[in-house]
Amino acid sequence: MHLAFKVLLIIFSLGMILVVLLQKGKSAGLSGAITGGAEHLFGRQKARGLDLLLSRVTIAVAVGFFLLSLLVSYEVFR
């Protein structure tokens, strides 16, 4: 059972890496504020569907990773 939890933890960690790398970076700083405002002004807003899905999947995978980490560490010290 302990080995199965470790394998699941590895799968969740690789999944979290993959999902985070698929997300687009947020524009930061003054140039990001200027271009971000221009995109909204001229109606060239990014597609929110995929960004929203990726953020929800990231949250779900992160929660699973956190819980599996606690479970594996509990199994080690028991």
PDB file of N, CA and C in Angstrom:
ATOM      1  N   MET A   1       0.824  -1.193   0.000  1.00  0.00           N
ATOM      2  CA  MET A   1       0.000   0.000   0.000  1.00  0.00           C
ATOM      3  C   MET A   1       0.871   1.260   0.000  1.00  0.00           C
ATOM      4  N   HIS A   2       1.967   1.182   0.760  1.00  0.00           N
ATOM      5  CA  HIS A   2       2.865   2.333   0.828  1.00  0.00           C
ATOM      6  C   HIS A   2       3.476   2.634  -0.543  1.00  0.00           C
ATOM      7  N   LEU A   3       3.809   1.596  -1.281  1.00  0.00           N
ATOM      8  CA  LEU A   3       4.375   1.770  -2.622  1.00  0.00           C
ATOM      9  C   LEU A   3       3.356   2.401  -3.570  1.00  0.00           C
ATOM     10  N   ALA A   4       2.096   2.018  -3.432  1.00  0.00           N
ATOM     11  CA  ALA A   4       1.047   2.590  -4.285  1.00  0.00           C
ATOM     12  C   ALA A   4       0.894   4.083  -4.029  1.00  0.00           C
ATOM     13  N   PHE A   5       0.972   4.498  -2.763  1.00  0.00           N
ATOM     14  CA  PHE A   5       0.874   5.923  -2.442  1.00  0.00           C
ATOM     15  C   PHE A   5       2.069   6.697  -2.993  1.00  0.00           C
ATOM     16  N   LYS A   6       3.237   6.090  -2.951  1.00  0.00           N
ATOM     17  CA  LYS A   6       4.424   6.753  -3.500  1.00  0.00           C
ATOM     18  C   LYS A   6       4.316   6.909  -5.014  1.00  0.00           C
ATOM     19  N   VAL A   7       3.808   5.893  -5.687  1.00  0.00           N
ATOM     20  CA  VAL A   7       3.627   5.976  -7.144  1.00  0.00           C
ATOM     21  C   VAL A   7       2.599   7.054  -7.485  1.00  0.00           C
ATOM     22  N   LEU A   8       1.500   7.090  -6.730  1.00  0.00           N
ATOM     23  CA  LEU A   8       0.497   8.142  -6.947  1.00  0.00           C
ATOM     24  C   LEU A   8       1.082   9.526  -6.700  1.00  0.00           C
ATOM     25  N   LEU A   9       1.933   9.650  -5.690  1.00  0.00           N
ATOM     26  CA  LEU A   9       2.573  10.939  -5.399  1.00  0.00           C
ATOM     27  C   LEU A   9       3.462  11.381  -6.559  1.00  0.00           C
ATOM     28  N   ILE A  10       4.186  10.454  -7.153  1.00  0.00           N
ATOM     29  CA  ILE A  10       5.025  10.781  -8.312  1.00  0.00           C
ATOM     30  C   ILE A  10       4.163  11.197  -9.499  1.00  0.00           C
ATOM     31  N   ILE A  11       3.061  10.501  -9.713  1.00  0.00           N
ATOM     32  CA  ILE A  11       2.155  10.852 -10.817  1.00  0.00           C
ATOM     33  C   ILE A  11       1.561  12.241 -10.602  1.00  0.00           C
ATOM     34  N   PHE A  12       1.135  12.529  -9.369  1.00  0.00           N
ATOM     35  CA  PHE A  12       0.571  13.845  -9.075  1.00  0.00           C
ATOM     36  C   PHE A  12       1.621  14.947  -9.216  1.00  0.00           C
ATOM     37  N   SER A  13       2.857  14.671  -8.814  1.00  0.00           N
ATOM     38  CA  SER A  13       3.891  15.695  -8.939  1.00  0.00           C
ATOM     39  C   SER A  13       4.211  15.984 -10.402  1.00  0.00           C
ATOM     40  N   LEU A  14       4.283  14.940 -11.222  1.00  0.00           N
ATOM     41  CA  LEU A  14       4.512  15.162 -12.656  1.00  0.00           C
ATOM     42  C   LEU A  14       3.322  15.870 -13.304  1.00  0.00           C
ATOM     43  N   GLY A  15       2.121  15.513 -12.872  1.00  0.00           N
ATOM     44  CA  GLY A  15       0.929  16.193 -13.384  1.00  0.00           C
ATOM     45  C   GLY A  15       0.903  17.655 -13.015  1.00  0.00           C
ATOM     46  N   MET A  16       1.321  17.976 -11.790  1.00  0.00           N
ATOM     47  CA  MET A  16       1.337  19.375 -11.372  1.00  0.00           C
ATOM     48  C   MET A  16       2.375  20.167 -12.164  1.00  0.00           C
ATOM     49  N   ILE A  17       3.523  19.572 -12.409  1.00  0.00           N
ATOM     50  CA  ILE A  17       4.541  20.238 -13.220  1.00  0.00           C
ATOM     51  C   ILE A  17       4.003  20.508 -14.620  1.00  0.00           C
ATOM     52  N   LEU A  18       3.355  19.518 -15.205  1.00  0.00           N
ATOM     53  CA  LEU A  18       2.816  19.655 -16.553  1.00  0.00           C
ATOM     54  C   LEU A  18       1.737  20.733 -16.628  1.00  0.00           C
ATOM     55  N   VAL A  19       0.819  20.736 -15.682  1.00  0.00           N
ATOM     56  CA  VAL A  19      -0.282  21.704 -15.705  1.00  0.00           C
ATOM     57  C   VAL A  19       0.231  23.120 -15.480  1.00  0.00           C
ATOM     58  N   VAL A  20       1.206  23.276 -14.597  1.00  0.00           N
ATOM     59  CA  VAL A  20       1.755  24.618 -14.349  1.00  0.00           C
ATOM     60  C   VAL A  20       2.497  25.121 -15.584  1.00  0.00           C
ATOM     61  N   LEU A  21       3.217  24.245 -16.258  1.00  0.00           N
ATOM     62  CA  LEU A  21       3.944  24.674 -17.453  1.00  0.00           C
ATOM     63  C   LEU A  21       3.015  24.984 -18.619  1.00  0.00           C
ATOM     64  N   LEU A  22       1.824  24.416 -18.646  1.00  0.00           N
ATOM     65  CA  LEU A  22       0.874  24.704 -19.709  1.00  0.00           C
ATOM     66  C   LEU A  22       0.203  26.070 -19.563  1.00  0.00           C
ATOM     67  N   GLN A  23       0.208  26.611 -18.361  1.00  0.00           N
ATOM     68  CA  GLN A  23      -0.454  27.890 -18.135  1.00  0.00           C
ATOM     69  C   GLN A  23       0.373  29.032 -18.704  1.00  0.00           C
ATOM     70  N   LYS A  24      -0.333  30.072 -19.102  1.00  0.00           N
ATOM     71  CA  LYS A  24       0.352  31.263 -19.593  1.00  0.00           C
ATOM     72  C   LYS A  24       0.751  32.118 -18.408  1.00  0.00           C
ATOM     73  N   GLY A  25       1.880  32.791 -18.536  1.00  0.00           N
ATOM     74  CA  GLY A  25       2.345  33.672 -17.474  1.00  0.00           C
ATOM     75  C   GLY A  25       1.538  34.958 -17.434  1.00  0.00           C
ATOM     76  N   LYS A  26       1.397  35.477 -16.248  1.00  0.00           N
ATOM     77  CA  LYS A  26       0.692  36.747 -16.081  1.00  0.00           C
ATOM     78  C   LYS A  26       1.669  37.879 -16.351  1.00  0.00           C
ATOM     79  N   SER A  27       1.222  38.896 -17.046  1.00  0.00           N
ATOM     80  CA  SER A  27       2.078  40.048 -17.313  1.00  0.00           C
ATOM     81  C   SER A  27       2.279  40.826 -16.029  1.00  0.00           C
ATOM     82  N   ALA A  28       3.524  41.166 -15.762  1.00  0.00           N
ATOM     83  CA  ALA A  28       3.834  41.890 -14.533  1.00  0.00           C
ATOM     84  C   ALA A  28       4.592  43.159 -14.877  1.00  0.00           C
ATOM     85  N   GLY A  29       4.532  44.103 -13.988  1.00  0.00           N
ATOM     86  CA  GLY A  29       5.258  45.339 -14.171  1.00  0.00           C
ATOM     87  C   GLY A  29       4.475  46.357 -14.965  1.00  0.00           C
ATOM     88  N   LEU A  30       5.142  47.443 -15.296  1.00  0.00           N
ATOM     89  CA  LEU A  30       4.492  48.550 -15.982  1.00  0.00           C
ATOM     90  C   LEU A  30       4.114  48.185 -17.415  1.00  0.00           C
ATOM     91  N   SER A  31       4.972  47.465 -18.116  1.00  0.00           N
ATOM     92  CA  SER A  31       4.653  47.096 -19.499  1.00  0.00           C
ATOM     93  C   SER A  31       3.458  46.145 -19.549  1.00  0.00           C
ATOM     94  N   GLY A  32       3.350  45.254 -18.589  1.00  0.00           N
ATOM     95  CA  GLY A  32       2.200  44.360 -18.537  1.00  0.00           C
ATOM     96  C   GLY A  32       0.919  45.108 -18.236  1.00  0.00           C
ATOM     97  N   ALA A  33       1.013  46.127 -17.408  1.00  0.00           N
ATOM     98  CA  ALA A  33      -0.178  46.921 -17.081  1.00  0.00           C
ATOM     99  C   ALA A  33      -0.634  47.715 -18.296  1.00  0.00           C
ATOM    100  N   ILE A  34       0.307  48.231 -19.067  1.00  0.00           N
ATOM    101  CA  ILE A  34      -0.042  49.034 -20.248  1.00  0.00           C
ATOM    102  C   ILE A  34      -0.632  48.141 -21.332  1.00  0.00           C
ATOM    103  N   THR A  35       0.016  47.038 -21.629  1.00  0.00           N
ATOM    104  CA  THR A  35      -0.502  46.174 -22.689  1.00  0.00           C
ATOM    105  C   THR A  35      -1.773  45.470 -22.260  1.00  0.00           C
ATOM    106  N   GLY A  36      -1.869  45.131 -20.984  1.00  0.00           N
ATOM    107  CA  GLY A  36      -3.090  44.499 -20.490  1.00  0.00           C
ATOM    108  C   GLY A  36      -4.281  45.422 -20.602  1.00  0.00           C
ATOM    109  N   GLY A  37      -4.060  46.692 -20.308  1.00  0.00           N
ATOM    110  CA  GLY A  37      -5.139  47.668 -20.439  1.00  0.00           C
ATOM    111  C   GLY A  37      -5.515  47.889 -21.886  1.00  0.00           C
ATOM    112  N   ALA A  38      -4.533  47.859 -22.786  1.00  0.00           N
ATOM    113  CA  ALA A  38      -4.818  48.056 -24.207  1.00  0.00           C
ATOM    114  C   ALA A  38      -5.605  46.876 -24.772  1.00  0.00           C
ATOM    115  N   GLU A  39      -5.306  45.689 -24.310  1.00  0.00           N
ATOM    116  CA  GLU A  39      -6.043  44.524 -24.796  1.00  0.00           C
ATOM    117  C   GLU A  39      -7.510  44.603 -24.409  1.00  0.00           C
ATOM    118  N   HIS A  40      -7.783  45.064 -23.196  1.00  0.00           N
ATOM    119  CA  HIS A  40      -9.170  45.182 -22.760  1.00  0.00           C
ATOM    120  C   HIS A  40      -9.865  46.344 -23.456  1.00  0.00           C
ATOM    121  N   LEU A  41      -9.109  47.392 -23.750  1.00  0.00           N
ATOM    122  CA  LEU A  41      -9.691  48.581 -24.379  1.00  0.00           C
ATOM    123  C   LEU A  41     -10.118  48.286 -25.809  1.00  0.00           C
ATOM    124  N   PHE A  42      -9.308  47.577 -26.545  1.00  0.00           N
ATOM    125  CA  PHE A  42      -9.607  47.304 -27.950  1.00  0.00           C
ATOM    126  C   PHE A  42     -10.334  45.979 -28.161  1.00  0.00           C
ATOM    127  N   GLY A  43     -10.692  45.299 -27.104  1.00  0.00           N
ATOM    128  CA  GLY A  43     -11.502  44.092 -27.224  1.00  0.00           C
ATOM    129  C   GLY A  43     -10.738  42.855 -27.616  1.00  0.00           C
ATOM    130  N   ARG A  44      -9.431  42.833 -27.436  1.00  0.00           N
ATOM    131  CA  ARG A  44      -8.638  41.649 -27.753  1.00  0.00           C
ATOM    132  C   ARG A  44      -8.343  40.860 -26.482  1.00  0.00           C
ATOM    133  N   GLN A  45      -9.383  40.489 -25.792  1.00  0.00           N
ATOM    134  CA  GLN A  45      -9.211  39.774 -24.547  1.00  0.00           C
ATOM    135  C   GLN A  45      -8.878  38.310 -24.833  1.00  0.00           C
ATOM    136  N   LYS A  46      -8.033  37.727 -24.025  1.00  0.00           N
ATOM    137  CA  LYS A  46      -7.617  36.342 -24.205  1.00  0.00           C
ATOM    138  C   LYS A  46      -8.792  35.401 -23.936  1.00  0.00           C
ATOM    139  N   ALA A  47      -8.694  34.217 -24.491  1.00  0.00           N
ATOM    140  CA  ALA A  47      -9.717  33.209 -24.248  1.00  0.00           C
ATOM    141  C   ALA A  47      -9.624  32.753 -22.798  1.00  0.00           C
ATOM    142  N   ARG A  48     -10.705  32.874 -22.058  1.00  0.00           N
ATOM    143  CA  ARG A  48     -10.704  32.564 -20.637  1.00  0.00           C
ATOM    144  C   ARG A  48     -11.042  31.103 -20.355  1.00  0.00           C
ATOM    145  N   GLY A  49     -11.600  30.396 -21.314  1.00  0.00           N
ATOM    146  CA  GLY A  49     -12.035  29.033 -21.059  1.00  0.00           C
ATOM    147  C   GLY A  49     -10.897  28.106 -20.673  1.00  0.00           C
ATOM    148  N   LEU A  50      -9.839  28.107 -21.462  1.00  0.00           N
ATOM    149  CA  LEU A  50      -8.707  27.223 -21.196  1.00  0.00           C
ATOM    150  C   LEU A  50      -7.955  27.654 -19.940  1.00  0.00           C
ATOM    151  N   ASP A  51      -7.800  28.969 -19.740  1.00  0.00           N
ATOM    152  CA  ASP A  51      -7.124  29.460 -18.547  1.00  0.00           C
ATOM    153  C   ASP A  51      -7.882  29.067 -17.286  1.00  0.00           C
ATOM    154  N   LEU A  52      -9.189  29.163 -17.336  1.00  0.00           N
ATOM    155  CA  LEU A  52     -10.007  28.794 -16.185  1.00  0.00           C
ATOM    156  C   LEU A  52      -9.915  27.296 -15.907  1.00  0.00           C
ATOM    157  N   LEU A  53      -9.956  26.489 -16.954  1.00  0.00           N
ATOM    158  CA  LEU A  53      -9.847  25.041 -16.792  1.00  0.00           C
ATOM    159  C   LEU A  53      -8.494  24.655 -16.210  1.00  0.00           C
ATOM    160  N   LEU A  54      -7.427  25.251 -16.725  1.00  0.00           N
ATOM    161  CA  LEU A  54      -6.095  24.927 -16.231  1.00  0.00           C
ATOM    162  C   LEU A  54      -5.903  25.362 -14.785  1.00  0.00           C
ATOM    163  N   SER A  55      -6.489  26.484 -14.405  1.00  0.00           N
ATOM    164  CA  SER A  55      -6.356  26.912 -13.014  1.00  0.00           C
ATOM    165  C   SER A  55      -7.114  25.984 -12.075  1.00  0.00           C
ATOM    166  N   ARG A  56      -8.266  25.503 -12.493  1.00  0.00           N
ATOM    167  CA  ARG A  56      -9.023  24.565 -11.650  1.00  0.00           C
ATOM    168  C   ARG A  56      -8.329  23.215 -11.560  1.00  0.00           C
ATOM    169  N   VAL A  57      -7.759  22.755 -12.667  1.00  0.00           N
ATOM    170  CA  VAL A  57      -7.023  21.489 -12.651  1.00  0.00           C
ATOM    171  C   VAL A  57      -5.776  21.626 -11.771  1.00  0.00           C
ATOM    172  N   THR A  58      -5.126  22.779 -11.816  1.00  0.00           N
ATOM    173  CA  THR A  58      -3.955  23.015 -10.983  1.00  0.00           C
ATOM    174  C   THR A  58      -4.318  22.946  -9.507  1.00  0.00           C
ATOM    175  N   ILE A  59      -5.439  23.550  -9.146  1.00  0.00           N
ATOM    176  CA  ILE A  59      -5.877  23.516  -7.748  1.00  0.00           C
ATOM    177  C   ILE A  59      -6.171  22.077  -7.319  1.00  0.00           C
ATOM    178  N   ALA A  60      -6.862  21.327  -8.165  1.00  0.00           N
ATOM    179  CA  ALA A  60      -7.209  19.947  -7.823  1.00  0.00           C
ATOM    180  C   ALA A  60      -5.959  19.075  -7.679  1.00  0.00           C
ATOM    181  N   VAL A  61      -5.016  19.226  -8.599  1.00  0.00           N
ATOM    182  CA  VAL A  61      -3.787  18.419  -8.546  1.00  0.00           C
ATOM    183  C   VAL A  61      -2.939  18.831  -7.342  1.00  0.00           C
ATOM    184  N   ALA A  62      -2.905  20.126  -7.023  1.00  0.00           N
ATOM    185  CA  ALA A  62      -2.131  20.589  -5.872  1.00  0.00           C
ATOM    186  C   ALA A  62      -2.714  20.060  -4.567  1.00  0.00           C
ATOM    187  N   VAL A  63      -4.032  20.045  -4.447  1.00  0.00           N
ATOM    188  CA  VAL A  63      -4.664  19.492  -3.247  1.00  0.00           C
ATOM    189  C   VAL A  63      -4.378  18.001  -3.132  1.00  0.00           C
ATOM    190  N   GLY A  64      -4.472  17.276  -4.241  1.00  0.00           N
ATOM    191  CA  GLY A  64      -4.151  15.853  -4.232  1.00  0.00           C
ATOM    192  C   GLY A  64      -2.700  15.597  -3.861  1.00  0.00           C
ATOM    193  N   PHE A  65      -1.807  16.416  -4.392  1.00  0.00           N
ATOM    194  CA  PHE A  65      -0.385  16.291  -4.076  1.00  0.00           C
ATOM    195  C   PHE A  65      -0.139  16.539  -2.594  1.00  0.00           C
ATOM    196  N   PHE A  66      -0.775  17.564  -2.050  1.00  0.00           N
ATOM    197  CA  PHE A  66      -0.609  17.900  -0.636  1.00  0.00           C
ATOM    198  C   PHE A  66      -1.112  16.769   0.257  1.00  0.00           C
ATOM    199  N   LEU A  67      -2.298  16.247  -0.049  1.00  0.00           N
ATOM    200  CA  LEU A  67      -2.865  15.176   0.767  1.00  0.00           C
ATOM    201  C   LEU A  67      -2.041  13.884   0.663  1.00  0.00           C
ATOM    202  N   LEU A  68      -1.592  13.568  -0.539  1.00  0.00           N
ATOM    203  CA  LEU A  68      -0.750  12.378  -0.697  1.00  0.00           C
ATOM    204  C   LEU A  68       0.592  12.539   0.007  1.00  0.00           C
ATOM    205  N   SER A  69       1.137  13.741   0.010  1.00  0.00           N
ATOM    206  CA  SER A  69       2.396  13.985   0.728  1.00  0.00           C
ATOM    207  C   SER A  69       2.216  13.753   2.218  1.00  0.00           C
ATOM    208  N   LEU A  70       1.104  14.251   2.766  1.00  0.00           N
ATOM    209  CA  LEU A  70       0.826  14.030   4.183  1.00  0.00           C
ATOM    210  C   LEU A  70       0.628  12.543   4.469  1.00  0.00           C
ATOM    211  N   LEU A  71      -0.074  11.860   3.596  1.00  0.00           N
ATOM    212  CA  LEU A  71      -0.344  10.434   3.793  1.00  0.00           C
ATOM    213  C   LEU A  71       0.942   9.614   3.726  1.00  0.00           C
ATOM    214  N   VAL A  72       1.795   9.899   2.770  1.00  0.00           N
ATOM    215  CA  VAL A  72       3.070   9.164   2.650  1.00  0.00           C
ATOM    216  C   VAL A  72       3.962   9.449   3.851  1.00  0.00           C
ATOM    217  N   SER A  73       4.015  10.701   4.303  1.00  0.00           N
ATOM    218  CA  SER A  73       4.842  11.014   5.470  1.00  0.00           C
ATOM    219  C   SER A  73       4.279  10.376   6.728  1.00  0.00           C
ATOM    220  N   TYR A  74       2.969  10.280   6.832  1.00  0.00           N
ATOM    221  CA  TYR A  74       2.362   9.611   7.992  1.00  0.00           C
ATOM    222  C   TYR A  74       2.691   8.119   7.980  1.00  0.00           C
ATOM    223  N   GLU A  75       2.672   7.519   6.798  1.00  0.00           N
ATOM    224  CA  GLU A  75       2.984   6.089   6.684  1.00  0.00           C
ATOM    225  C   GLU A  75       4.447   5.820   7.040  1.00  0.00           C
ATOM    226  N   VAL A  76       5.333   6.755   6.754  1.00  0.00           N
ATOM    227  CA  VAL A  76       6.748   6.569   7.043  1.00  0.00           C
ATOM    228  C   VAL A  76       6.991   6.598   8.541  1.00  0.00           C
ATOM    229  N   PHE A  77       6.335   7.509   9.253  1.00  0.00           N
ATOM    230  CA  PHE A  77       6.579   7.672  10.680  1.00  0.00           C
ATOM    231  C   PHE A  77       5.717   6.777  11.559  1.00  0.00           C
ATOM    232  N   ARG A  78       4.860   5.989  10.969  1.00  0.00           N
ATOM    233  CA  ARG A  78       3.999   5.113  11.757  1.00  0.00           C
ATOM    234  C   ARG A  78       4.650   3.808  12.029  1.00  0.00           C
TER     235      ARG A  78
END
